Amino acid sequence: MVEVRKRDYITCNTSSPIIEHKDGNTKVKLDRSGPFYFINREEGHCDKGQKLIVVVMSAKLIWKLICVLFDIVSQINFKRFVGSSGRP
């Protein structure tokens, strides 16, 4: 397995990996937010779909998503409580 840049992920290019893992029991440190691209280096395997994108979200983004979802759920519940008349 190799970690590659996005353009190499798309084209299954393994000629210039960021890092190569050969032991078959690799643990990868995901030390930043954003996407990580991994492909199988064996001939033809990536073209057959043996590749993976891992997206690490930042704590700030996760908190923003939670707030947006809470706001949406609150609005839905308020509309159910009030009904179409605008009064409880």
N, C-alpha and C. Protein backbone atom coordinates (compact mmCIF):
# COMPACT_ATOMS: atom_id res chain seq x y z
N MET A 1 0.85 -1.16 0.00
CA MET A 1 0.00 0.00 0.00
C MET A 1 0.90 1.22 0.00
N VAL A 2 0.48 2.23 -0.75
CA VAL A 2 1.22 3.49 -0.78
C VAL A 2 0.27 4.65 -0.52
N GLU A 3 0.78 5.67 0.14
CA GLU A 3 0.04 6.91 0.28
C GLU A 3 0.49 7.82 -0.84
N VAL A 4 -0.48 8.41 -1.54
CA VAL A 4 -0.18 9.22 -2.71
C VAL A 4 -0.93 10.55 -2.67
N ARG A 5 -0.58 11.41 -3.59
CA ARG A 5 -1.31 12.67 -3.75
C ARG A 5 -2.61 12.42 -4.52
N LYS A 6 -3.50 13.38 -4.46
CA LYS A 6 -4.82 13.22 -5.09
C LYS A 6 -4.71 12.88 -6.57
N ARG A 7 -3.88 13.59 -7.30
CA ARG A 7 -3.78 13.35 -8.74
C ARG A 7 -3.29 11.92 -9.03
N ASP A 8 -2.39 11.41 -8.18
CA ASP A 8 -1.90 10.04 -8.36
C ASP A 8 -2.97 9.02 -7.95
N TYR A 9 -3.79 9.38 -6.98
CA TYR A 9 -4.91 8.52 -6.58
C TYR A 9 -5.88 8.35 -7.75
N ILE A 10 -6.21 9.46 -8.38
CA ILE A 10 -7.17 9.44 -9.49
C ILE A 10 -6.66 8.59 -10.65
N THR A 11 -5.37 8.71 -10.95
CA THR A 11 -4.80 8.02 -12.11
C THR A 11 -4.13 6.68 -11.75
N CYS A 12 -4.18 6.30 -10.47
CA CYS A 12 -3.53 5.06 -9.99
C CYS A 12 -2.02 5.05 -10.29
N ASN A 13 -1.40 6.20 -10.14
CA ASN A 13 0.03 6.34 -10.38
C ASN A 13 0.79 6.08 -9.07
N THR A 14 1.64 5.06 -9.06
CA THR A 14 2.41 4.71 -7.87
C THR A 14 3.89 5.07 -8.00
N SER A 15 4.26 5.83 -9.01
CA SER A 15 5.69 6.10 -9.27
C SER A 15 6.32 7.06 -8.27
N SER A 16 5.53 7.90 -7.61
CA SER A 16 6.12 8.86 -6.65
C SER A 16 5.25 8.94 -5.38
N PRO A 17 5.23 7.85 -4.61
CA PRO A 17 4.40 7.85 -3.40
C PRO A 17 4.93 8.79 -2.33
N ILE A 18 4.03 9.26 -1.48
CA ILE A 18 4.43 10.04 -0.31
C ILE A 18 5.15 9.10 0.66
N ILE A 19 4.58 7.93 0.86
CA ILE A 19 5.19 6.91 1.71
C ILE A 19 4.71 5.54 1.24
N GLU A 20 5.57 4.54 1.40
CA GLU A 20 5.23 3.18 0.98
C GLU A 20 5.23 2.28 2.21
N HIS A 21 4.22 1.44 2.31
CA HIS A 21 4.12 0.49 3.41
C HIS A 21 4.21 -0.92 2.82
N LYS A 22 5.16 -1.73 3.34
CA LYS A 22 5.40 -3.04 2.74
C LYS A 22 5.18 -4.21 3.69
N ASP A 23 4.95 -3.94 4.98
CA ASP A 23 4.94 -5.05 5.94
C ASP A 23 3.62 -5.81 6.04
N GLY A 24 2.55 -5.29 5.45
CA GLY A 24 1.26 -5.97 5.50
C GLY A 24 0.51 -5.79 6.81
N ASN A 25 1.10 -5.08 7.75
CA ASN A 25 0.47 -4.84 9.04
C ASN A 25 0.75 -3.40 9.46
N THR A 26 0.36 -2.47 8.60
CA THR A 26 0.74 -1.07 8.76
C THR A 26 -0.28 -0.30 9.59
N LYS A 27 0.22 0.55 10.45
CA LYS A 27 -0.59 1.52 11.17
C LYS A 27 -0.19 2.89 10.65
N VAL A 28 -1.16 3.67 10.22
CA VAL A 28 -0.89 4.97 9.62
C VAL A 28 -1.32 6.05 10.59
N LYS A 29 -0.44 7.00 10.85
CA LYS A 29 -0.77 8.13 11.72
C LYS A 29 -1.44 9.21 10.87
N LEU A 30 -2.68 9.52 11.20
CA LEU A 30 -3.42 10.57 10.50
C LEU A 30 -3.29 11.83 11.36
N ASP A 31 -2.25 12.60 11.11
CA ASP A 31 -1.84 13.67 12.02
C ASP A 31 -2.28 15.08 11.62
N ARG A 32 -3.22 15.15 10.72
CA ARG A 32 -3.74 16.46 10.29
C ARG A 32 -5.16 16.26 9.78
N SER A 33 -5.91 17.35 9.69
CA SER A 33 -7.23 17.24 9.08
C SER A 33 -7.07 17.28 7.56
N GLY A 34 -8.05 16.71 6.87
CA GLY A 34 -8.00 16.69 5.41
C GLY A 34 -7.95 15.27 4.88
N PRO A 35 -7.86 15.15 3.56
CA PRO A 35 -7.88 13.82 2.93
C PRO A 35 -6.51 13.15 2.91
N PHE A 36 -6.53 11.83 3.03
CA PHE A 36 -5.36 10.98 2.85
C PHE A 36 -5.73 9.98 1.76
N TYR A 37 -4.86 9.77 0.79
CA TYR A 37 -5.13 8.91 -0.36
C TYR A 37 -4.21 7.69 -0.32
N PHE A 38 -4.80 6.50 -0.41
CA PHE A 38 -4.03 5.26 -0.39
C PHE A 38 -4.44 4.39 -1.57
N ILE A 39 -3.44 3.77 -2.20
CA ILE A 39 -3.73 2.84 -3.29
C ILE A 39 -2.87 1.59 -3.15
N ASN A 40 -3.36 0.51 -3.75
CA ASN A 40 -2.62 -0.75 -3.78
C ASN A 40 -1.59 -0.65 -4.89
N ARG A 41 -0.36 -1.00 -4.58
CA ARG A 41 0.73 -0.86 -5.54
C ARG A 41 0.81 -2.02 -6.54
N GLU A 42 0.17 -3.14 -6.24
CA GLU A 42 0.23 -4.30 -7.14
C GLU A 42 -0.40 -3.94 -8.50
N GLU A 43 0.21 -4.41 -9.55
CA GLU A 43 -0.21 -4.12 -10.92
C GLU A 43 -1.71 -4.42 -11.12
N GLY A 44 -2.47 -3.42 -11.56
CA GLY A 44 -3.87 -3.58 -11.90
C GLY A 44 -4.84 -3.53 -10.73
N HIS A 45 -4.36 -3.61 -9.51
CA HIS A 45 -5.26 -3.64 -8.35
C HIS A 45 -5.98 -2.31 -8.15
N CYS A 46 -5.25 -1.20 -8.26
CA CYS A 46 -5.87 0.11 -8.09
C CYS A 46 -6.94 0.33 -9.16
N ASP A 47 -6.63 -0.05 -10.40
CA ASP A 47 -7.60 0.11 -11.49
C ASP A 47 -8.87 -0.69 -11.25
N LYS A 48 -8.77 -1.74 -10.43
CA LYS A 48 -9.93 -2.56 -10.09
C LYS A 48 -10.62 -2.06 -8.82
N GLY A 49 -10.18 -0.91 -8.31
CA GLY A 49 -10.86 -0.29 -7.17
C GLY A 49 -10.22 -0.49 -5.82
N GLN A 50 -9.05 -1.08 -5.76
CA GLN A 50 -8.39 -1.28 -4.47
C GLN A 50 -7.63 -0.01 -4.08
N LYS A 51 -8.42 0.97 -3.64
CA LYS A 51 -7.88 2.24 -3.20
C LYS A 51 -8.82 2.83 -2.16
N LEU A 52 -8.31 3.78 -1.39
CA LEU A 52 -9.06 4.29 -0.25
C LEU A 52 -8.75 5.75 -0.01
N ILE A 53 -9.79 6.53 0.30
CA ILE A 53 -9.62 7.91 0.75
C ILE A 53 -10.11 7.96 2.19
N VAL A 54 -9.29 8.53 3.07
CA VAL A 54 -9.67 8.76 4.46
C VAL A 54 -9.68 10.26 4.66
N VAL A 55 -10.81 10.80 5.15
CA VAL A 55 -10.91 12.23 5.41
C VAL A 55 -10.99 12.45 6.92
N VAL A 56 -10.01 13.17 7.45
CA VAL A 56 -9.97 13.50 8.86
C VAL A 56 -10.57 14.90 9.01
N MET A 57 -11.60 14.99 9.84
CA MET A 57 -12.26 16.28 10.05
C MET A 57 -11.66 16.96 11.27
N SER A 58 -11.58 18.27 11.22
CA SER A 58 -11.06 19.03 12.36
C SER A 58 -12.14 19.15 13.42
N ALA A 59 -11.73 19.38 14.66
CA ALA A 59 -12.68 19.54 15.75
C ALA A 59 -13.61 20.73 15.50
N LYS A 60 -13.07 21.81 14.92
CA LYS A 60 -13.90 22.99 14.62
C LYS A 60 -15.01 22.63 13.63
N LEU A 61 -14.67 21.90 12.59
CA LEU A 61 -15.66 21.53 11.58
C LEU A 61 -16.72 20.61 12.16
N ILE A 62 -16.30 19.66 12.97
CA ILE A 62 -17.26 18.75 13.61
C ILE A 62 -18.22 19.54 14.49
N TRP A 63 -17.71 20.48 15.27
CA TRP A 63 -18.56 21.29 16.14
C TRP A 63 -19.56 22.12 15.31
N LYS A 64 -19.10 22.70 14.20
CA LYS A 64 -19.99 23.47 13.33
C LYS A 64 -21.10 22.58 12.76
N LEU A 65 -20.75 21.36 12.35
CA LEU A 65 -21.76 20.44 11.83
C LEU A 65 -22.79 20.08 12.89
N ILE A 66 -22.33 19.86 14.11
CA ILE A 66 -23.24 19.54 15.21
C ILE A 66 -24.21 20.70 15.44
N CYS A 67 -23.69 21.93 15.43
CA CYS A 67 -24.54 23.11 15.64
C CYS A 67 -25.57 23.26 14.52
N VAL A 68 -25.16 23.05 13.28
CA VAL A 68 -26.09 23.15 12.16
C VAL A 68 -27.18 22.09 12.26
N LEU A 69 -26.79 20.86 12.56
CA LEU A 69 -27.78 19.79 12.70
C LEU A 69 -28.73 20.06 13.86
N PHE A 70 -28.22 20.55 14.98
CA PHE A 70 -29.08 20.89 16.11
C PHE A 70 -30.09 21.96 15.73
N ASP A 71 -29.63 22.97 14.99
CA ASP A 71 -30.50 24.06 14.55
C ASP A 71 -31.61 23.52 13.63
N ILE A 72 -31.26 22.64 12.72
CA ILE A 72 -32.25 22.06 11.81
C ILE A 72 -33.28 21.25 12.57
N VAL A 73 -32.82 20.40 13.49
CA VAL A 73 -33.75 19.57 14.27
C VAL A 73 -34.64 20.45 15.13
N SER A 74 -34.08 21.51 15.72
CA SER A 74 -34.87 22.43 16.54
C SER A 74 -35.97 23.09 15.73
N GLN A 75 -35.64 23.51 14.50
CA GLN A 75 -36.64 24.15 13.65
C GLN A 75 -37.75 23.17 13.26
N ILE A 76 -37.39 21.95 12.97
CA ILE A 76 -38.39 20.94 12.61
C ILE A 76 -39.31 20.68 13.79
N ASN A 77 -38.75 20.51 14.97
CA ASN A 77 -39.56 20.25 16.16
C ASN A 77 -40.43 21.44 16.51
N PHE A 78 -39.93 22.68 16.34
CA PHE A 78 -40.72 23.88 16.61
C PHE A 78 -41.90 23.95 15.65
N LYS A 79 -41.68 23.66 14.38
CA LYS A 79 -42.77 23.70 13.40
C LYS A 79 -43.83 22.66 13.72
N ARG A 80 -43.41 21.49 14.20
CA ARG A 80 -44.38 20.46 14.59
C ARG A 80 -45.19 20.92 15.80
N PHE A 81 -44.53 21.59 16.76
CA PHE A 81 -45.19 22.05 17.96
C PHE A 81 -46.17 23.17 17.65
N VAL A 82 -45.72 24.14 16.85
CA VAL A 82 -46.54 25.31 16.56
C VAL A 82 -47.59 24.98 15.51
N GLY A 83 -47.25 24.15 14.56
CA GLY A 83 -48.18 23.83 13.49
C GLY A 83 -48.19 24.92 12.43
N SER A 84 -49.07 24.80 11.49
CA SER A 84 -49.11 25.75 10.38
C SER A 84 -49.73 27.08 10.77
N SER A 85 -50.44 27.16 11.90
CA SER A 85 -51.10 28.41 12.28
C SER A 85 -50.14 29.43 12.87
N GLY A 86 -48.93 28.93 13.30
CA GLY A 86 -47.99 29.86 13.91
C GLY A 86 -48.21 30.02 15.39
N ARG A 87 -49.20 29.30 15.95
CA ARG A 87 -49.47 29.39 17.39
C ARG A 87 -49.46 27.98 18.00
N PRO A 88 -49.03 27.87 19.27
CA PRO A 88 -49.06 26.55 19.93
C PRO A 88 -50.46 26.04 20.13
